[in-house]
Amino acid sequence: MKVVIAIDSLKGSLSSLEAGKAIAEGILKADSHTEIEISPLADGGEGTVEALTTGMGGNIESIFVTGPLKENVLCQYGIVKDTAIIEMASAAGITLLEKKQRNPLYTTTYGVGEMIKDAIKKGCRRFIIGIGGSATNDGGIGMLQALGYGFLNKEKKQVSYGAIGLSELEEITTENVVPELKECRFYIACDVTNPLCGEKGSSAVFGPQKGADKQMIADMDKWMERYAKLAKKAVPNADSTYPGTGAAGGLGFAFLTFTNAVLQSGIDMVLQETNLEEKIKTAHVVVTGEGRLDEQTAMGKAPIGVARLAKKHGKMVIGFAGSVTKDAVLCNENGMDAYFPILRSVVTLEEAMEKERAKQNMTDTAEQVFRLLFAKMN
């Protein structure tokens, strides 16, 4: 029997690869002759760099860049041949800030541009970038400034970092852009469809969680509209209404307008890059899951992407999770034949998330499930 394992990370506990290895150990205890292939999984958010880089045999790079409040932060990104794999949140993420520090007027995406520039210097011309979890609402101008674009004020100087810089913006220039940028292709993992401006735009929908009050939201939306008009003068095909341009505080708009980029579903991108469908074709059973299976999982998160792909080829799908909710039954309707929580006893959340305990629970649960499966097949 061949089993393909593609499980998302159990955030705060096990990485995708660690969870996959724990499941494999349990399966082999049930039948040591089982052929197993582990394919790291992510959805374009946290864990994507590790999952794709390890899954594709690449290397992790570490560099210091400008953080969301202009402080130095240590970031990691992956390189696989000529492809760079980047999570914008590692340079401009909301988790880098304490709640009292959140203020989109001043948080910047500059560090994201520094990561891209570093990867370009190292020979990368293809980029896979996850843009979830941002602390910013600067329309991506910080990133573009780092890449050499001029976002100038009345004095012909670069505008301030953060959304406040949009209020100062008078002119966009391109003469100092990194020359190699025109050779680069960007694949942006984006699972939101919000436009740049308006009641469903980046400021109104995502501003509050980034520290914006009502007045700030109104101001930022007005500045975004003006930015969009100036961008259209510089790039005539700029479209601030395109679905996803409001992602990551307008970073989606920056990529689509000023680079050679496409927005794609995060899970679809990861499944494609890891060549999971080809692996599934030769499998008998596919294993997936994540930290918690619930209604949100069934709405199209990574495990359901795997399940649907497996069902396309008529494969059995088994799910494992740290915990499951009552709504997780919807996963059965979306491709999972059966799913199992891995908790083995009554413990606190902190205890359940301890790495070694989670590994052992995953291994033990997988072993018992596959003992039953093998017994049924014999």
Protein backbone atom coordinates (compact mmCIF):
# COMPACT_ATOMS: atom_id res chain seq x y z
CA MET A 1 0.00 0.00 0.00
CA LYS A 2 1.12 3.56 -0.71
CA VAL A 3 0.07 6.41 1.56
CA VAL A 4 0.57 10.07 0.67
CA ILE A 5 0.61 12.44 3.65
CA ALA A 6 -0.11 16.14 3.10
CA ILE A 7 -1.07 17.71 6.42
CA ASP A 8 -0.97 21.40 7.33
CA SER A 9 0.91 22.59 10.41
CA LEU A 10 -0.60 22.43 13.86
CA LYS A 11 0.17 26.09 14.55
CA GLY A 12 2.14 26.65 17.73
CA SER A 13 2.89 22.95 17.98
CA LEU A 14 4.01 20.95 14.94
CA SER A 15 5.16 22.05 11.52
CA SER A 16 3.69 20.38 8.45
CA LEU A 17 6.76 18.19 8.06
CA GLU A 18 6.86 17.26 11.76
CA ALA A 19 3.19 16.28 11.72
CA GLY A 20 3.72 14.26 8.54
CA LYS A 21 6.66 12.37 10.02
CA ALA A 22 4.70 11.59 13.19
CA ILE A 23 1.84 10.12 11.11
CA ALA A 24 4.31 8.11 9.03
CA GLU A 25 5.81 6.64 12.20
CA GLY A 26 2.39 5.50 13.36
CA ILE A 27 1.52 3.95 9.98
CA LEU A 28 4.78 2.03 9.90
CA LYS A 29 4.08 0.66 13.37
CA ALA A 30 0.83 -0.71 11.97
CA ASP A 31 2.54 -2.13 8.87
CA SER A 32 6.26 -1.68 8.32
CA HIS A 33 5.94 -2.48 4.61
CA THR A 34 3.78 0.56 3.79
CA GLU A 35 5.17 2.92 1.17
CA ILE A 36 4.85 6.49 2.44
CA GLU A 37 5.42 9.85 0.77
CA ILE A 38 5.23 13.06 2.80
CA SER A 39 4.35 16.25 0.94
CA PRO A 40 4.58 19.39 3.14
CA LEU A 41 1.43 21.50 3.05
CA ALA A 42 0.53 25.17 3.57
CA ASP A 43 -2.00 27.66 2.23
CA GLY A 44 0.19 30.65 1.51
CA GLY A 45 0.15 31.89 5.10
CA GLU A 46 2.33 31.06 8.08
CA GLY A 47 4.43 27.97 7.41
CA THR A 48 4.52 28.36 3.64
CA VAL A 49 8.24 29.12 3.47
CA GLU A 50 9.16 26.06 5.50
CA ALA A 51 6.67 23.75 3.79
CA LEU A 52 7.56 24.68 0.22
CA THR A 53 11.28 25.09 0.74
CA THR A 54 11.70 21.73 2.47
CA GLY A 55 9.20 20.04 0.17
CA MET A 56 11.04 21.27 -2.92
CA GLY A 57 14.58 20.66 -1.64
CA GLY A 58 15.60 24.30 -1.25
CA ASN A 59 17.59 26.35 1.26
CA ILE A 60 16.51 28.82 3.94
CA GLU A 61 18.07 32.30 3.84
CA SER A 62 18.20 34.59 6.88
CA ILE A 63 18.56 38.39 6.64
CA PHE A 64 17.84 41.48 8.73
CA VAL A 65 15.30 43.85 7.19
CA THR A 66 13.23 46.88 8.18
CA GLY A 67 10.34 45.81 10.39
CA PRO A 68 6.81 47.26 10.43
CA LEU A 69 7.86 50.10 12.76
CA LYS A 70 11.29 50.62 11.14
CA GLU A 71 13.06 48.36 13.65
CA ASN A 72 15.46 45.65 12.47
CA VAL A 73 13.87 42.19 12.28
CA LEU A 74 15.44 38.88 11.34
CA CYS A 75 13.55 37.26 8.45
CA GLN A 76 13.79 33.93 6.73
CA TYR A 77 12.81 33.09 3.20
CA GLY A 78 13.39 30.10 0.96
CA ILE A 79 15.29 29.68 -2.30
CA VAL A 80 14.64 26.74 -4.62
CA LYS A 81 16.78 27.08 -7.76
CA ASP A 82 15.72 30.48 -9.19
CA THR A 83 12.56 30.72 -7.07
CA ALA A 84 12.27 32.71 -3.84
CA ILE A 85 9.54 31.78 -1.36
CA ILE A 86 8.57 34.66 0.92
CA GLU A 87 6.01 35.37 3.64
CA MET A 88 5.40 39.10 3.86
CA ALA A 89 4.38 38.69 7.51
CA SER A 90 7.94 37.81 8.46
CA ALA A 91 8.90 41.43 7.66
CA ALA A 92 5.63 43.33 8.11
CA GLY A 93 3.34 41.01 10.04
CA ILE A 94 0.89 41.93 12.76
CA THR A 95 2.35 39.29 15.08
CA LEU A 96 5.60 41.28 15.16
CA LEU A 97 3.79 43.98 17.13
CA GLU A 98 2.17 44.16 20.52
CA LYS A 99 -1.45 45.28 20.42
CA LYS A 100 -0.59 48.77 21.73
CA GLN A 101 1.96 49.19 18.90
CA ARG A 102 -0.51 48.61 16.07
CA ASN A 103 -1.09 51.72 14.00
CA PRO A 104 -1.38 51.45 10.21
CA LEU A 105 -0.57 55.14 9.80
CA TYR A 106 3.06 54.26 10.51
CA THR A 107 3.58 50.56 9.75
CA THR A 108 5.48 49.83 6.57
CA THR A 109 6.05 47.08 4.00
CA TYR A 110 9.59 48.32 3.29
CA GLY A 111 11.15 45.12 4.65
CA VAL A 112 9.21 43.03 2.14
CA GLY A 113 10.93 44.92 -0.66
CA GLU A 114 14.29 44.38 1.01
CA MET A 115 13.70 40.61 1.04
CA ILE A 116 12.79 40.68 -2.66
CA LYS A 117 15.85 42.77 -3.45
CA ASP A 118 18.09 40.36 -1.55
CA ALA A 119 16.64 37.40 -3.44
CA ILE A 120 17.14 39.18 -6.76
CA LYS A 121 20.81 39.70 -5.89
CA LYS A 122 21.06 35.96 -5.21
CA GLY A 123 19.78 35.14 -8.68
CA CYS A 124 16.05 34.66 -8.10
CA ARG A 125 13.71 35.73 -10.87
CA ARG A 126 10.60 33.83 -9.82
CA PHE A 127 8.80 34.64 -6.58
CA ILE A 128 6.11 32.89 -4.57
CA ILE A 129 4.84 35.32 -1.94
CA GLY A 130 2.26 34.82 0.78
CA ILE A 131 0.74 38.14 1.81
CA GLY A 132 -1.47 37.18 4.75
CA GLY A 133 -1.18 38.55 8.29
CA SER A 134 0.00 42.08 7.52
CA ALA A 135 0.26 44.92 10.04
CA THR A 136 0.22 47.49 7.25
CA ASN A 137 -2.09 49.65 5.15
CA ASP A 138 0.45 51.55 3.09
CA GLY A 139 -0.73 50.36 -0.32
CA GLY A 140 2.56 48.50 -0.72
CA ILE A 141 4.49 51.71 -1.33
CA GLY A 142 7.07 50.79 1.31
CA MET A 143 7.92 47.61 -0.56
CA LEU A 144 8.11 49.52 -3.84
CA GLN A 145 10.34 52.21 -2.33
CA ALA A 146 12.81 49.50 -1.30
CA LEU A 147 12.81 48.32 -4.92
CA GLY A 148 13.69 51.79 -6.19
CA TYR A 149 10.31 53.33 -7.01
CA GLY A 150 9.94 56.98 -6.13
CA PHE A 151 6.86 57.89 -4.11
CA LEU A 152 7.50 61.58 -3.78
CA ASN A 153 6.03 64.48 -1.83
CA LYS A 154 5.87 68.14 -2.83
CA GLU A 155 9.58 68.54 -2.07
CA LYS A 156 10.43 65.64 -4.45
CA LYS A 157 11.52 63.52 -1.47
CA GLN A 158 10.33 60.03 -0.59
CA VAL A 159 7.12 60.15 1.44
CA SER A 160 7.01 58.89 5.02
CA TYR A 161 6.65 55.22 5.87
CA GLY A 162 3.16 53.88 6.49
CA ALA A 163 -0.29 54.98 5.35
CA ILE A 164 0.58 58.52 6.37
CA GLY A 165 2.94 58.53 3.38
CA LEU A 166 -0.04 58.16 1.06
CA SER A 167 -1.35 61.48 2.37
CA GLU A 168 1.89 63.16 1.25
CA LEU A 169 2.06 61.50 -2.17
CA GLU A 170 2.29 63.79 -5.19
CA GLU A 171 4.27 61.86 -7.79
CA ILE A 172 5.39 58.33 -8.68
CA THR A 173 8.73 57.83 -10.48
CA THR A 174 10.42 54.76 -11.94
CA GLU A 175 13.91 55.76 -13.06
CA ASN A 176 15.69 54.19 -10.07
CA VAL A 177 13.85 50.86 -10.01
CA VAL A 178 16.04 47.77 -9.60
CA PRO A 179 16.79 46.88 -13.25
CA GLU A 180 16.31 43.13 -12.74
CA LEU A 181 12.75 43.65 -11.52
CA LYS A 182 11.47 43.59 -15.09
CA GLU A 183 12.84 40.04 -15.43
CA CYS A 184 10.95 38.83 -12.36
CA ARG A 185 7.60 37.03 -12.16
CA PHE A 186 5.56 37.14 -8.95
CA TYR A 187 2.97 34.56 -7.87
CA ILE A 188 1.02 36.04 -4.97
CA ALA A 189 -0.87 33.73 -2.62
CA CYS A 190 -4.02 35.70 -1.95
CA ASP A 191 -7.32 34.29 -0.69
CA VAL A 192 -9.26 37.53 -0.21
CA THR A 193 -11.18 39.34 -2.95
CA ASN A 194 -11.39 42.83 -1.47
CA PRO A 195 -10.74 45.83 -3.74
CA LEU A 196 -8.32 48.55 -2.73
CA CYS A 197 -10.89 51.19 -1.72
CA GLY A 198 -14.45 51.59 -0.52
CA GLU A 199 -16.62 49.87 2.06
CA LYS A 200 -15.09 46.50 1.21
CA GLY A 201 -11.59 47.88 0.70
CA SER A 202 -8.41 47.36 2.68
CA SER A 203 -8.90 50.28 5.07
CA ALA A 204 -12.53 49.60 5.98
CA VAL A 205 -12.36 45.82 6.29
CA PHE A 206 -8.89 45.16 7.66
CA GLY A 207 -7.98 48.53 9.20
CA PRO A 208 -9.64 47.92 12.59
CA GLN A 209 -7.63 44.80 13.38
CA LYS A 210 -4.47 46.76 12.56
CA GLY A 211 -5.27 49.50 15.06
CA ALA A 212 -7.29 51.98 12.97
CA ASP A 213 -10.22 53.95 14.37
CA LYS A 214 -13.12 55.34 12.31
CA GLN A 215 -11.40 58.60 11.43
CA MET A 216 -8.21 56.84 10.41
CA ILE A 217 -10.20 54.45 8.21
CA ALA A 218 -11.94 57.33 6.44
CA ASP A 219 -8.65 59.17 5.94
CA MET A 220 -6.75 56.12 4.70
CA ASP A 221 -9.49 55.20 2.24
CA LYS A 222 -9.41 58.72 0.81
CA TRP A 223 -5.62 58.56 0.49
CA MET A 224 -5.85 55.13 -1.16
CA GLU A 225 -8.23 56.53 -3.80
CA ARG A 226 -5.77 59.31 -4.58
CA TYR A 227 -2.89 56.82 -4.69
CA ALA A 228 -4.86 54.66 -7.14
CA LYS A 229 -5.38 57.66 -9.45
CA LEU A 230 -1.68 58.57 -9.37
CA ALA A 231 -0.77 54.94 -9.99
CA LYS A 232 -3.01 54.86 -13.04
CA LYS A 233 -1.13 57.85 -14.46
CA ALA A 234 2.13 55.93 -14.08
CA VAL A 235 0.69 52.54 -15.12
CA PRO A 236 -2.41 52.97 -17.33
CA ASN A 237 -3.72 49.43 -16.75
CA ALA A 238 -3.79 49.86 -12.95
CA ASP A 239 -7.13 48.64 -11.59
CA SER A 240 -7.91 49.30 -7.92
CA THR A 241 -11.24 47.42 -8.21
CA TYR A 242 -9.62 44.12 -9.17
CA PRO A 243 -10.39 41.37 -6.60
CA GLY A 244 -7.53 41.05 -4.14
CA THR A 245 -6.00 44.50 -4.65
CA GLY A 246 -7.01 45.31 -1.08
CA ALA A 247 -5.14 42.33 0.35
CA ALA A 248 -2.44 43.06 2.94
CA GLY A 249 -3.31 46.74 3.13
CA GLY A 250 -3.06 47.25 -0.61
CA LEU A 251 0.03 45.13 -1.17
CA GLY A 252 -2.01 43.15 -3.70
CA PHE A 253 -2.52 46.36 -5.68
CA ALA A 254 1.19 47.20 -5.53
CA PHE A 255 2.19 43.83 -6.93
CA LEU A 256 -0.43 43.80 -9.69
CA THR A 257 0.28 47.37 -10.75
CA PHE A 258 4.03 47.75 -10.47
CA THR A 259 5.39 44.22 -10.98
CA ASN A 260 4.76 41.29 -13.30
CA ALA A 261 2.40 39.51 -10.91
CA VAL A 262 -0.68 37.30 -10.65
CA LEU A 263 -2.88 36.65 -7.63
CA GLN A 264 -3.70 33.01 -6.93
CA SER A 265 -5.39 30.88 -4.31
CA GLY A 266 -2.75 30.01 -1.70
CA ILE A 267 -3.63 26.33 -1.42
CA ASP A 268 -3.89 25.90 -5.20
CA MET A 269 -0.44 27.42 -5.57
CA VAL A 270 1.11 25.13 -2.95
CA LEU A 271 -0.53 22.01 -4.38
CA GLN A 272 0.80 22.92 -7.80
CA GLU A 273 4.33 23.72 -6.63
CA THR A 274 4.66 20.48 -4.63
CA ASN A 275 3.27 18.41 -7.53
CA LEU A 276 0.85 16.76 -5.12
CA GLU A 277 -1.60 15.57 -7.77
CA GLU A 278 1.01 13.37 -9.41
CA LYS A 279 1.87 11.84 -6.03
CA ILE A 280 -1.80 11.22 -5.26
CA LYS A 281 -2.38 9.39 -8.55
CA THR A 282 -0.28 6.45 -7.37
CA ALA A 283 -1.53 6.43 -3.76
CA HIS A 284 -4.09 4.14 -2.15
CA VAL A 285 -4.79 6.42 0.82
CA VAL A 286 -4.28 10.16 1.29
CA VAL A 287 -3.84 11.66 4.78
CA THR A 288 -4.40 15.35 5.53
CA GLY A 289 -5.52 17.62 8.38
CA GLU A 290 -4.51 20.63 10.49
CA GLY A 291 -4.57 21.92 14.05
CA ARG A 292 -8.35 22.13 14.23
CA LEU A 293 -10.95 20.84 11.81
CA ASP A 294 -14.06 23.01 11.78
CA GLU A 295 -16.47 24.86 9.53
CA GLN A 296 -13.67 27.13 8.29
CA THR A 297 -11.71 24.08 7.15
CA ALA A 298 -14.66 22.95 5.04
CA MET A 299 -14.85 26.36 3.36
CA GLY A 300 -11.71 25.64 1.39
CA LYS A 301 -8.66 25.61 3.66
CA ALA A 302 -5.62 23.51 2.82
CA PRO A 303 -6.88 20.08 4.00
CA ILE A 304 -10.01 20.38 1.86
CA GLY A 305 -7.88 21.33 -1.12
CA VAL A 306 -6.02 18.06 -0.62
CA ALA A 307 -9.21 16.07 -0.07
CA ARG A 308 -10.85 17.38 -3.23
CA LEU A 309 -7.73 16.64 -5.25
CA ALA A 310 -7.66 13.09 -3.85
CA LYS A 311 -11.33 12.53 -4.63
CA LYS A 312 -10.70 13.66 -8.19
CA HIS A 313 -8.69 10.44 -8.48
CA GLY A 314 -10.98 8.28 -6.34
CA LYS A 315 -8.68 7.96 -3.32
CA MET A 316 -9.61 7.33 0.31
CA VAL A 317 -9.00 10.43 2.47
CA ILE A 318 -8.29 10.32 6.21
CA GLY A 319 -7.95 13.46 8.34
CA PHE A 320 -6.12 14.05 11.62
CA ALA A 321 -6.38 17.15 13.80
CA GLY A 322 -5.44 18.42 17.22
CA SER A 323 -9.13 18.98 17.84
CA VAL A 324 -12.40 18.95 15.92
CA THR A 325 -15.63 20.88 16.29
CA LYS A 326 -19.21 19.76 15.70
CA ASP A 327 -19.17 21.66 12.38
CA ALA A 328 -16.26 19.53 11.19
CA VAL A 329 -18.83 17.07 9.78
CA LEU A 330 -18.87 19.43 6.80
CA CYS A 331 -15.41 18.07 5.97
CA ASN A 332 -17.06 14.72 5.21
CA GLU A 333 -19.17 16.47 2.61
CA ASN A 334 -16.05 17.97 1.06
CA GLY A 335 -13.90 14.94 0.48
CA MET A 336 -12.77 13.53 3.84
CA ASP A 337 -13.98 9.96 4.33
CA ALA A 338 -13.23 10.12 8.06
CA TYR A 339 -11.32 12.34 10.47
CA PHE A 340 -9.89 11.80 13.93
CA PRO A 341 -8.85 14.12 16.79
CA ILE A 342 -5.50 13.04 18.22
CA LEU A 343 -6.04 13.95 21.89
CA ARG A 344 -5.56 10.85 24.06
CA SER A 345 -6.50 12.21 27.50
CA VAL A 346 -7.93 15.26 29.24
CA VAL A 347 -5.21 17.93 29.27
CA THR A 348 -4.95 21.70 29.10
CA LEU A 349 -4.54 23.44 25.75
CA GLU A 350 -0.94 24.27 26.63
CA GLU A 351 -0.20 20.64 27.43
CA ALA A 352 -1.90 19.43 24.25
CA MET A 353 0.29 21.77 22.18
CA GLU A 354 3.58 20.61 23.69
CA LYS A 355 5.63 19.43 20.73
CA GLU A 356 6.63 16.00 22.04
CA ARG A 357 3.15 15.25 23.37
CA ALA A 358 1.56 16.31 20.07
CA LYS A 359 3.99 14.14 18.10
CA GLN A 360 3.26 11.10 20.25
CA ASN A 361 -0.48 11.68 20.10
CA MET A 362 -0.32 11.95 16.32
CA THR A 363 1.76 8.79 16.01
CA ASP A 364 -0.45 6.78 18.36
CA THR A 365 -3.68 7.86 16.66
CA ALA A 366 -2.35 7.16 13.18
CA GLU A 367 -1.18 3.72 14.27
CA GLN A 368 -4.60 2.67 15.57
CA VAL A 369 -6.50 4.07 12.58
CA PHE A 370 -4.24 2.25 10.14
CA ARG A 371 -4.30 -0.99 12.16
CA LEU A 372 -8.04 -0.99 11.60
CA LEU A 373 -7.63 -0.11 7.94
CA PHE A 374 -5.06 -2.85 7.33
CA ALA A 375 -7.15 -5.41 9.22
CA LYS A 376 -10.15 -4.57 7.05
CA MET A 377 -8.08 -5.00 3.90
CA ASN A 378 -6.55 -8.35 4.86
